[in-house]
Amino acid sequence: MRLVSPKVRATPLDRMLRPVHSWIWADAERRARKLLRFAETEADGGRDLSRAAELTPDPLLRRLYLAHASDEQRHAELFRRRGAGILRSFPSRSQPAFQANWLAPGERGLDDLRVDNTPDDALLAFLHLSEKAAASRFALYREVLAHDPATRAVFDEILSDEAFHMNYTYSQLTRVAPRRYRRRLWWSRLARLWKGYLRLATALAGMMGTIVLTIQYFILLPPFAWLAKRAGRREAPGWTPISSKRNNSIRSQY
């Protein structure tokens, strides 16, 4: 039986980015694509948790992992159903809106964590921080979706589960690793910071590459095109005869 969790609130950092999140979720097509992406993440996390339930020797954790996996699959279905419903409400577009996934990532599931090689205490620490971050973001998404009651209701339903996942992972972490749970949490925080840096660096690198290529296209290529046209105007029209000396060789076309 699950206890009622306290109200989940967005972190100060997420609240600072509220105007950005409001802009991201305002576009209907972008909102639908993000919900479908969340569905894939939740489904993938559910599969990893099922695998973790197979590997753990702790019977209590096995039951909790399986319940968590079931919640993730249900969340995936909720996100998928709502995202598909939004997409069906308007014609398809040839150029989808900018998704801004690195600005509003939502929940990242196990974020490519290798469940097979991860002990329970490390997995619980990672899950606790992931669920805590997801609950904070989902609480903010719920606030900025006042104009879409149906999507807001989906986040309402999922938030209670996210709060339970955040609480049970912490309590179980302190149970299985009473002396080193703080160290595990710090290591997990550092790993999340590093992965966040890599995601930001990748996004910035892609943006800078686009800017550089655009500059090259509009600044460097026009002079070369002008020189090529100028050289072309100097060429005589029609066929150009070649000397008989160059035409005598049978070993070369020149």
C-alpha atoms as a PDB file:
ATOM      1  CA  MET A   1       0.000   0.000   0.000  1.00  0.00           C
ATOM      2  CA  ARG A   2       1.387   3.388  -0.961  1.00  0.00           C
ATOM      3  CA  LEU A   3       1.367   6.323   1.388  1.00  0.00           C
ATOM      4  CA  VAL A   4       0.297   9.743   0.193  1.00  0.00           C
ATOM      5  CA  SER A   5       3.420  11.679  -0.702  1.00  0.00           C
ATOM      6  CA  PRO A   6       3.932  15.378   0.003  1.00  0.00           C
ATOM      7  CA  LYS A   7       3.355  17.764  -2.862  1.00  0.00           C
ATOM      8  CA  VAL A   8       6.229  17.744  -5.303  1.00  0.00           C
ATOM      9  CA  ARG A   9       7.600  21.153  -6.224  1.00  0.00           C
ATOM     10  CA  ALA A  10       9.902  22.237  -8.999  1.00  0.00           C
ATOM     11  CA  THR A  11      13.461  23.157  -8.057  1.00  0.00           C
ATOM     12  CA  PRO A  12      14.551  26.827  -8.118  1.00  0.00           C
ATOM     13  CA  LEU A  13      16.618  26.151 -11.251  1.00  0.00           C
ATOM     14  CA  ASP A  14      13.612  24.677 -13.069  1.00  0.00           C
ATOM     15  CA  ARG A  15      11.496  27.637 -11.980  1.00  0.00           C
ATOM     16  CA  MET A  16      14.075  30.034 -13.388  1.00  0.00           C
ATOM     17  CA  LEU A  17      13.605  28.311 -16.746  1.00  0.00           C
ATOM     18  CA  ARG A  18       9.810  28.446 -16.590  1.00  0.00           C
ATOM     19  CA  PRO A  19       9.487  30.932 -19.511  1.00  0.00           C
ATOM     20  CA  VAL A  20      11.565  28.562 -21.650  1.00  0.00           C
ATOM     21  CA  HIS A  21       9.409  25.564 -20.683  1.00  0.00           C
ATOM     22  CA  SER A  22       6.238  27.580 -21.345  1.00  0.00           C
ATOM     23  CA  TRP A  23       7.473  28.343 -24.861  1.00  0.00           C
ATOM     24  CA  ILE A  24       8.483  24.708 -25.460  1.00  0.00           C
ATOM     25  CA  TRP A  25       5.126  23.267 -24.394  1.00  0.00           C
ATOM     26  CA  ALA A  26       3.029  25.943 -26.115  1.00  0.00           C
ATOM     27  CA  ASP A  27       3.402  24.375 -29.565  1.00  0.00           C
ATOM     28  CA  ALA A  28       0.931  21.498 -29.984  1.00  0.00           C
ATOM     29  CA  GLU A  29       3.047  19.411 -32.328  1.00  0.00           C
ATOM     30  CA  ARG A  30       6.168  19.826 -30.208  1.00  0.00           C
ATOM     31  CA  ARG A  31       4.112  18.878 -27.146  1.00  0.00           C
ATOM     32  CA  ALA A  32       2.927  15.687 -28.842  1.00  0.00           C
ATOM     33  CA  ARG A  33       6.437  14.714 -29.981  1.00  0.00           C
ATOM     34  CA  LYS A  34       7.829  15.231 -26.492  1.00  0.00           C
ATOM     35  CA  LEU A  35       5.095  13.087 -24.952  1.00  0.00           C
ATOM     36  CA  LEU A  36       5.885  10.293 -27.406  1.00  0.00           C
ATOM     37  CA  ARG A  37       9.573  10.619 -26.553  1.00  0.00           C
ATOM     38  CA  PHE A  38       8.722  10.412 -22.846  1.00  0.00           C
ATOM     39  CA  ALA A  39       6.753   7.249 -23.607  1.00  0.00           C
ATOM     40  CA  GLU A  40       9.829   5.622 -25.162  1.00  0.00           C
ATOM     41  CA  THR A  41      11.971   6.599 -22.174  1.00  0.00           C
ATOM     42  CA  GLU A  42       9.458   5.240 -19.668  1.00  0.00           C
ATOM     43  CA  ALA A  43       9.090   1.967 -21.558  1.00  0.00           C
ATOM     44  CA  ASP A  44      12.869   1.549 -21.764  1.00  0.00           C
ATOM     45  CA  GLY A  45      13.203   2.252 -18.043  1.00  0.00           C
ATOM     46  CA  GLY A  46      10.528  -0.336 -17.293  1.00  0.00           C
ATOM     47  CA  ARG A  47      12.460  -2.993 -19.211  1.00  0.00           C
ATOM     48  CA  ASP A  48      15.651  -2.158 -17.329  1.00  0.00           C
ATOM     49  CA  LEU A  49      13.853  -2.342 -13.985  1.00  0.00           C
ATOM     50  CA  SER A  50      12.442  -5.732 -14.890  1.00  0.00           C
ATOM     51  CA  ARG A  51      15.987  -6.863 -15.570  1.00  0.00           C
ATOM     52  CA  ALA A  52      17.114  -5.418 -12.233  1.00  0.00           C
ATOM     53  CA  ALA A  53      14.356  -7.412 -10.510  1.00  0.00           C
ATOM     54  CA  GLU A  54      15.736 -10.591 -12.074  1.00  0.00           C
ATOM     55  CA  LEU A  55      19.268  -9.875 -10.855  1.00  0.00           C
ATOM     56  CA  THR A  56      18.768  -8.623  -7.315  1.00  0.00           C
ATOM     57  CA  PRO A  57      19.106 -11.177  -4.478  1.00  0.00           C
ATOM     58  CA  ASP A  58      16.925  -9.015  -2.198  1.00  0.00           C
ATOM     59  CA  PRO A  59      13.277 -10.208  -2.233  1.00  0.00           C
ATOM     60  CA  LEU A  60      11.885  -6.834  -1.099  1.00  0.00           C
ATOM     61  CA  LEU A  61      13.787  -4.971  -3.801  1.00  0.00           C
ATOM     62  CA  ARG A  62      12.598  -7.519  -6.344  1.00  0.00           C
ATOM     63  CA  ARG A  63       8.961  -6.706  -5.550  1.00  0.00           C
ATOM     64  CA  LEU A  64       9.614  -2.965  -5.550  1.00  0.00           C
ATOM     65  CA  TYR A  65      11.503  -3.090  -8.850  1.00  0.00           C
ATOM     66  CA  LEU A  66       8.673  -5.027 -10.463  1.00  0.00           C
ATOM     67  CA  ALA A  67       6.084  -2.558  -9.152  1.00  0.00           C
ATOM     68  CA  HIS A  68       8.248   0.287 -10.417  1.00  0.00           C
ATOM     69  CA  ALA A  69       8.579  -1.379 -13.816  1.00  0.00           C
ATOM     70  CA  SER A  70       4.803  -1.787 -13.996  1.00  0.00           C
ATOM     71  CA  ASP A  71       4.371   1.926 -13.231  1.00  0.00           C
ATOM     72  CA  GLU A  72       6.831   2.855 -15.962  1.00  0.00           C
ATOM     73  CA  GLN A  73       4.963   0.798 -18.525  1.00  0.00           C
ATOM     74  CA  ARG A  74       1.689   2.420 -17.487  1.00  0.00           C
ATOM     75  CA  HIS A  75       3.261   5.856 -17.757  1.00  0.00           C
ATOM     76  CA  ALA A  76       4.524   4.981 -21.218  1.00  0.00           C
ATOM     77  CA  GLU A  77       0.997   4.083 -22.279  1.00  0.00           C
ATOM     78  CA  LEU A  78      -0.415   7.323 -20.820  1.00  0.00           C
ATOM     79  CA  PHE A  79       2.180   9.443 -22.611  1.00  0.00           C
ATOM     80  CA  ARG A  80       1.788   7.508 -25.857  1.00  0.00           C
ATOM     81  CA  ARG A  81      -2.002   7.741 -25.852  1.00  0.00           C
ATOM     82  CA  ARG A  82      -2.024  11.467 -25.139  1.00  0.00           C
ATOM     83  CA  GLY A  83       0.739  12.250 -27.645  1.00  0.00           C
ATOM     84  CA  ALA A  84      -1.029  10.283 -30.381  1.00  0.00           C
ATOM     85  CA  GLY A  85      -4.282  12.034 -29.559  1.00  0.00           C
ATOM     86  CA  ILE A  86      -2.693  15.456 -30.021  1.00  0.00           C
ATOM     87  CA  LEU A  87      -1.106  14.430 -33.314  1.00  0.00           C
ATOM     88  CA  ARG A  88      -4.440  13.226 -34.640  1.00  0.00           C
ATOM     89  CA  SER A  89      -6.008  16.611 -33.909  1.00  0.00           C
ATOM     90  CA  PHE A  90      -4.183  18.454 -36.689  1.00  0.00           C
ATOM     91  CA  PRO A  91      -2.722  17.660 -40.127  1.00  0.00           C
ATOM     92  CA  SER A  92       0.832  16.384 -40.361  1.00  0.00           C
ATOM     93  CA  ARG A  93       3.557  18.913 -41.121  1.00  0.00           C
ATOM     94  CA  SER A  94       6.509  18.375 -43.405  1.00  0.00           C
ATOM     95  CA  GLN A  95       8.905  20.164 -41.044  1.00  0.00           C
ATOM     96  CA  PRO A  96       8.355  19.335 -37.339  1.00  0.00           C
ATOM     97  CA  ALA A  97       8.857  22.087 -34.790  1.00  0.00           C
ATOM     98  CA  PHE A  98      12.155  22.432 -32.944  1.00  0.00           C
ATOM     99  CA  GLN A  99      12.007  19.934 -30.063  1.00  0.00           C
ATOM    100  CA  ALA A 100      14.544  21.492 -27.626  1.00  0.00           C
ATOM    101  CA  ASN A 101      15.024  18.142 -25.890  1.00  0.00           C
ATOM    102  CA  TRP A 102      18.191  19.267 -24.129  1.00  0.00           C
ATOM    103  CA  LEU A 103      16.265  22.176 -22.544  1.00  0.00           C
ATOM    104  CA  ALA A 104      13.281  20.088 -21.412  1.00  0.00           C
ATOM    105  CA  PRO A 105      14.528  16.521 -21.076  1.00  0.00           C
ATOM    106  CA  GLY A 106      11.803  15.245 -18.762  1.00  0.00           C
ATOM    107  CA  GLU A 107      12.728  11.862 -17.339  1.00  0.00           C
ATOM    108  CA  ARG A 108      15.732  10.002 -18.674  1.00  0.00           C
ATOM    109  CA  GLY A 109      14.947   6.584 -17.200  1.00  0.00           C
ATOM    110  CA  LEU A 110      18.124   4.689 -16.398  1.00  0.00           C
ATOM    111  CA  ASP A 111      20.041   6.872 -18.863  1.00  0.00           C
ATOM    112  CA  ASP A 112      21.970   3.984 -20.440  1.00  0.00           C
ATOM    113  CA  LEU A 113      22.984   2.615 -17.031  1.00  0.00           C
ATOM    114  CA  ARG A 114      24.290  -0.945 -17.289  1.00  0.00           C
ATOM    115  CA  VAL A 115      21.928  -2.746 -14.957  1.00  0.00           C
ATOM    116  CA  ASP A 116      23.769  -6.067 -15.247  1.00  0.00           C
ATOM    117  CA  ASN A 117      26.961  -4.607 -13.749  1.00  0.00           C
ATOM    118  CA  THR A 118      25.402  -2.280 -11.154  1.00  0.00           C
ATOM    119  CA  PRO A 119      24.958  -3.237  -7.474  1.00  0.00           C
ATOM    120  CA  ASP A 120      21.676  -2.477  -5.750  1.00  0.00           C
ATOM    121  CA  ASP A 121      22.965   0.476  -3.735  1.00  0.00           C
ATOM    122  CA  ALA A 122      24.363   2.231  -6.825  1.00  0.00           C
ATOM    123  CA  LEU A 123      21.162   1.525  -8.764  1.00  0.00           C
ATOM    124  CA  LEU A 124      18.984   2.840  -5.939  1.00  0.00           C
ATOM    125  CA  ALA A 125      21.063   6.019  -5.655  1.00  0.00           C
ATOM    126  CA  PHE A 126      20.806   6.611  -9.376  1.00  0.00           C
ATOM    127  CA  LEU A 127      17.074   5.898  -9.421  1.00  0.00           C
ATOM    128  CA  HIS A 128      16.456   8.217  -6.473  1.00  0.00           C
ATOM    129  CA  LEU A 129      18.174  11.164  -8.134  1.00  0.00           C
ATOM    130  CA  SER A 130      16.555  10.432 -11.510  1.00  0.00           C
ATOM    131  CA  GLU A 131      13.080  10.204 -10.034  1.00  0.00           C
ATOM    132  CA  LYS A 132      13.645  13.325  -7.947  1.00  0.00           C
ATOM    133  CA  ALA A 133      14.720  15.311 -11.017  1.00  0.00           C
ATOM    134  CA  ALA A 134      11.831  13.914 -13.067  1.00  0.00           C
ATOM    135  CA  ALA A 135       9.290  14.771 -10.354  1.00  0.00           C
ATOM    136  CA  SER A 136      10.595  18.348 -10.226  1.00  0.00           C
ATOM    137  CA  ARG A 137      10.361  18.774 -13.998  1.00  0.00           C
ATOM    138  CA  PHE A 138       6.963  17.102 -14.255  1.00  0.00           C
ATOM    139  CA  ALA A 139       5.645  19.429 -11.531  1.00  0.00           C
ATOM    140  CA  LEU A 140       6.787  22.414 -13.601  1.00  0.00           C
ATOM    141  CA  TYR A 141       5.386  20.938 -16.826  1.00  0.00           C
ATOM    142  CA  ARG A 142       2.065  20.516 -15.053  1.00  0.00           C
ATOM    143  CA  GLU A 143       2.069  24.202 -14.114  1.00  0.00           C
ATOM    144  CA  VAL A 144       2.787  25.461 -17.632  1.00  0.00           C
ATOM    145  CA  LEU A 145       0.102  23.224 -19.161  1.00  0.00           C
ATOM    146  CA  ALA A 146      -2.878  25.092 -17.763  1.00  0.00           C
ATOM    147  CA  HIS A 147      -4.038  25.635 -21.368  1.00  0.00           C
ATOM    148  CA  ASP A 148      -4.107  21.839 -21.983  1.00  0.00           C
ATOM    149  CA  PRO A 149      -6.141  20.174 -19.202  1.00  0.00           C
ATOM    150  CA  ALA A 150      -5.928  16.695 -20.760  1.00  0.00           C
ATOM    151  CA  THR A 151      -2.121  16.688 -20.848  1.00  0.00           C
ATOM    152  CA  ARG A 152      -1.994  18.267 -17.408  1.00  0.00           C
ATOM    153  CA  ALA A 153      -4.125  15.421 -16.066  1.00  0.00           C
ATOM    154  CA  VAL A 154      -1.563  12.924 -17.392  1.00  0.00           C
ATOM    155  CA  PHE A 155       1.205  14.636 -15.424  1.00  0.00           C
ATOM    156  CA  ASP A 156      -1.084  14.799 -12.369  1.00  0.00           C
ATOM    157  CA  GLU A 157      -1.509  11.034 -12.447  1.00  0.00           C
ATOM    158  CA  ILE A 158       2.171  10.330 -13.031  1.00  0.00           C
ATOM    159  CA  LEU A 159       3.469  12.760 -10.392  1.00  0.00           C
ATOM    160  CA  SER A 160       2.111  10.719  -7.487  1.00  0.00           C
ATOM    161  CA  ASP A 161       3.976   7.661  -8.758  1.00  0.00           C
ATOM    162  CA  GLU A 162       7.158   9.671  -9.256  1.00  0.00           C
ATOM    163  CA  ALA A 163       6.992  10.862  -5.652  1.00  0.00           C
ATOM    164  CA  PHE A 164       6.564   7.274  -4.450  1.00  0.00           C
ATOM    165  CA  HIS A 165       9.518   6.109  -6.564  1.00  0.00           C
ATOM    166  CA  MET A 166      11.649   8.944  -5.188  1.00  0.00           C
ATOM    167  CA  ASN A 167      10.760   8.019  -1.588  1.00  0.00           C
ATOM    168  CA  TYR A 168      11.082   4.245  -1.801  1.00  0.00           C
ATOM    169  CA  THR A 169      14.459   4.365  -3.540  1.00  0.00           C
ATOM    170  CA  TYR A 170      15.872   6.578  -0.785  1.00  0.00           C
ATOM    171  CA  SER A 171      14.478   4.472   2.046  1.00  0.00           C
ATOM    172  CA  GLN A 172      15.736   1.260   0.450  1.00  0.00           C
ATOM    173  CA  LEU A 173      19.143   2.812  -0.208  1.00  0.00           C
ATOM    174  CA  THR A 174      19.523   3.644   3.479  1.00  0.00           C
ATOM    175  CA  ARG A 175      18.464   0.089   4.305  1.00  0.00           C
ATOM    176  CA  VAL A 176      20.851  -1.793   2.007  1.00  0.00           C
ATOM    177  CA  ALA A 177      23.786   0.629   2.468  1.00  0.00           C
ATOM    178  CA  PRO A 178      23.356   2.358   5.845  1.00  0.00           C
ATOM    179  CA  ARG A 179      27.012   3.403   6.086  1.00  0.00           C
ATOM    180  CA  ARG A 180      27.754   4.442   2.518  1.00  0.00           C
ATOM    181  CA  TYR A 181      24.470   5.695   1.117  1.00  0.00           C
ATOM    182  CA  ARG A 182      25.636   9.324   1.251  1.00  0.00           C
ATOM    183  CA  ARG A 183      28.741   8.430  -0.742  1.00  0.00           C
ATOM    184  CA  ARG A 184      26.614   6.615  -3.307  1.00  0.00           C
ATOM    185  CA  LEU A 185      24.379   9.640  -3.697  1.00  0.00           C
ATOM    186  CA  TRP A 186      27.357  11.944  -4.246  1.00  0.00           C
ATOM    187  CA  TRP A 187      28.888   9.638  -6.835  1.00  0.00           C
ATOM    188  CA  SER A 188      25.539   9.481  -8.626  1.00  0.00           C
ATOM    189  CA  ARG A 189      25.251  13.275  -8.546  1.00  0.00           C
ATOM    190  CA  LEU A 190      28.703  13.620 -10.071  1.00  0.00           C
ATOM    191  CA  ALA A 191      27.829  11.080 -12.774  1.00  0.00           C
ATOM    192  CA  ARG A 192      24.614  12.964 -13.603  1.00  0.00           C
ATOM    193  CA  LEU A 193      26.511  16.258 -13.763  1.00  0.00           C
ATOM    194  CA  TRP A 194      29.055  14.740 -16.129  1.00  0.00           C
ATOM    195  CA  LYS A 195      26.361  13.314 -18.399  1.00  0.00           C
ATOM    196  CA  GLY A 196      24.525  16.633 -18.293  1.00  0.00           C
ATOM    197  CA  TYR A 197      27.721  18.401 -19.333  1.00  0.00           C
ATOM    198  CA  LEU A 198      28.184  15.962 -22.212  1.00  0.00           C
ATOM    199  CA  ARG A 199      24.606  16.526 -23.402  1.00  0.00           C
ATOM    200  CA  LEU A 200      25.047  20.304 -23.217  1.00  0.00           C
ATOM    201  CA  ALA A 201      28.419  20.155 -24.967  1.00  0.00           C
ATOM    202  CA  THR A 202      26.962  17.987 -27.726  1.00  0.00           C
ATOM    203  CA  ALA A 203      24.060  20.389 -28.242  1.00  0.00           C
ATOM    204  CA  LEU A 204      26.381  23.415 -28.311  1.00  0.00           C
ATOM    205  CA  ALA A 205      28.764  21.658 -30.701  1.00  0.00           C
ATOM    206  CA  GLY A 206      25.904  20.895 -33.064  1.00  0.00           C
ATOM    207  CA  MET A 207      24.705  24.497 -32.883  1.00  0.00           C
ATOM    208  CA  MET A 208      28.194  25.896 -33.504  1.00  0.00           C
ATOM    209  CA  GLY A 209      28.703  23.502 -36.416  1.00  0.00           C
ATOM    210  CA  THR A 210      25.467  24.719 -37.983  1.00  0.00           C
ATOM    211  CA  ILE A 211      26.524  28.361 -37.559  1.00  0.00           C
ATOM    212  CA  VAL A 212      29.982  27.751 -39.030  1.00  0.00           C
ATOM    213  CA  LEU A 213      28.606  25.877 -42.042  1.00  0.00           C
ATOM    214  CA  THR A 214      26.037  28.607 -42.625  1.00  0.00           C
ATOM    215  CA  ILE A 215      28.757  31.272 -42.537  1.00  0.00           C
ATOM    216  CA  GLN A 216      30.866  29.280 -44.957  1.00  0.00           C
ATOM    217  CA  TYR A 217      27.928  28.879 -47.323  1.00  0.00           C
ATOM    218  CA  PHE A 218      26.971  32.568 -47.446  1.00  0.00           C
ATOM    219  CA  ILE A 219      30.423  34.184 -47.074  1.00  0.00           C
ATOM    220  CA  LEU A 220      33.097  31.852 -48.461  1.00  0.00           C
ATOM    221  CA  LEU A 221      31.283  30.178 -51.348  1.00  0.00           C
ATOM    222  CA  PRO A 222      30.023  33.296 -53.207  1.00  0.00           C
ATOM    223  CA  PRO A 223      33.581  34.551 -54.057  1.00  0.00           C
ATOM    224  CA  PHE A 224      34.511  31.130 -55.436  1.00  0.00           C
ATOM    225  CA  ALA A 225      31.293  31.051 -57.463  1.00  0.00           C
ATOM    226  CA  TRP A 226      32.030  34.538 -58.815  1.00  0.00           C
ATOM    227  CA  LEU A 227      35.599  33.538 -59.785  1.00  0.00           C
ATOM    228  CA  ALA A 228      34.310  30.395 -61.501  1.00  0.00           C
ATOM    229  CA  LYS A 229      31.812  32.425 -63.543  1.00  0.00           C
ATOM    230  CA  ARG A 230      34.486  34.959 -64.421  1.00  0.00           C
ATOM    231  CA  ALA A 231      36.835  32.222 -65.634  1.00  0.00           C
ATOM    232  CA  GLY A 232      33.994  30.665 -67.599  1.00  0.00           C
ATOM    233  CA  ARG A 233      33.354  33.926 -69.484  1.00  0.00           C
ATOM    234  CA  ARG A 234      36.994  33.911 -70.673  1.00  0.00           C
ATOM    235  CA  GLU A 235      36.628  30.507 -72.285  1.00  0.00           C
ATOM    236  CA  ALA A 236      35.915  30.506 -76.015  1.00  0.00           C
ATOM    237  CA  PRO A 237      32.549  29.021 -76.951  1.00  0.00           C
ATOM    238  CA  GLY A 238      32.330  25.730 -78.814  1.00  0.00           C
ATOM    239  CA  TRP A 239      35.113  23.190 -79.491  1.00  0.00           C
ATOM    240  CA  THR A 240      38.737  24.157 -78.930  1.00  0.00           C
ATOM    241  CA  PRO A 241      41.267  22.623 -81.389  1.00  0.00           C
ATOM    242  CA  ILE A 242      44.445  21.080 -80.000  1.00  0.00           C
ATOM    243  CA  SER A 243      47.866  20.881 -81.608  1.00  0.00           C
ATOM    244  CA  SER A 244      48.825  17.870 -83.697  1.00  0.00           C
ATOM    245  CA  LYS A 245      51.751  17.120 -81.381  1.00  0.00           C
ATOM    246  CA  ARG A 246      49.457  16.558 -78.463  1.00  0.00           C
ATOM    247  CA  ASN A 247      47.166  14.450 -80.622  1.00  0.00           C
ATOM    248  CA  ASN A 248      49.823  11.934 -81.838  1.00  0.00           C
ATOM    249  CA  SER A 249      50.245   9.888 -78.672  1.00  0.00           C
ATOM    250  CA  ILE A 250      48.418   6.536 -78.625  1.00  0.00           C
ATOM    251  CA  ARG A 251      49.105   5.985 -74.914  1.00  0.00           C
ATOM    252  CA  SER A 252      47.332   8.998 -73.569  1.00  0.00           C
ATOM    253  CA  GLN A 253      44.203  10.959 -74.347  1.00  0.00           C
ATOM    254  CA  TYR A 254      46.312  14.095 -74.140  1.00  0.00           C
END
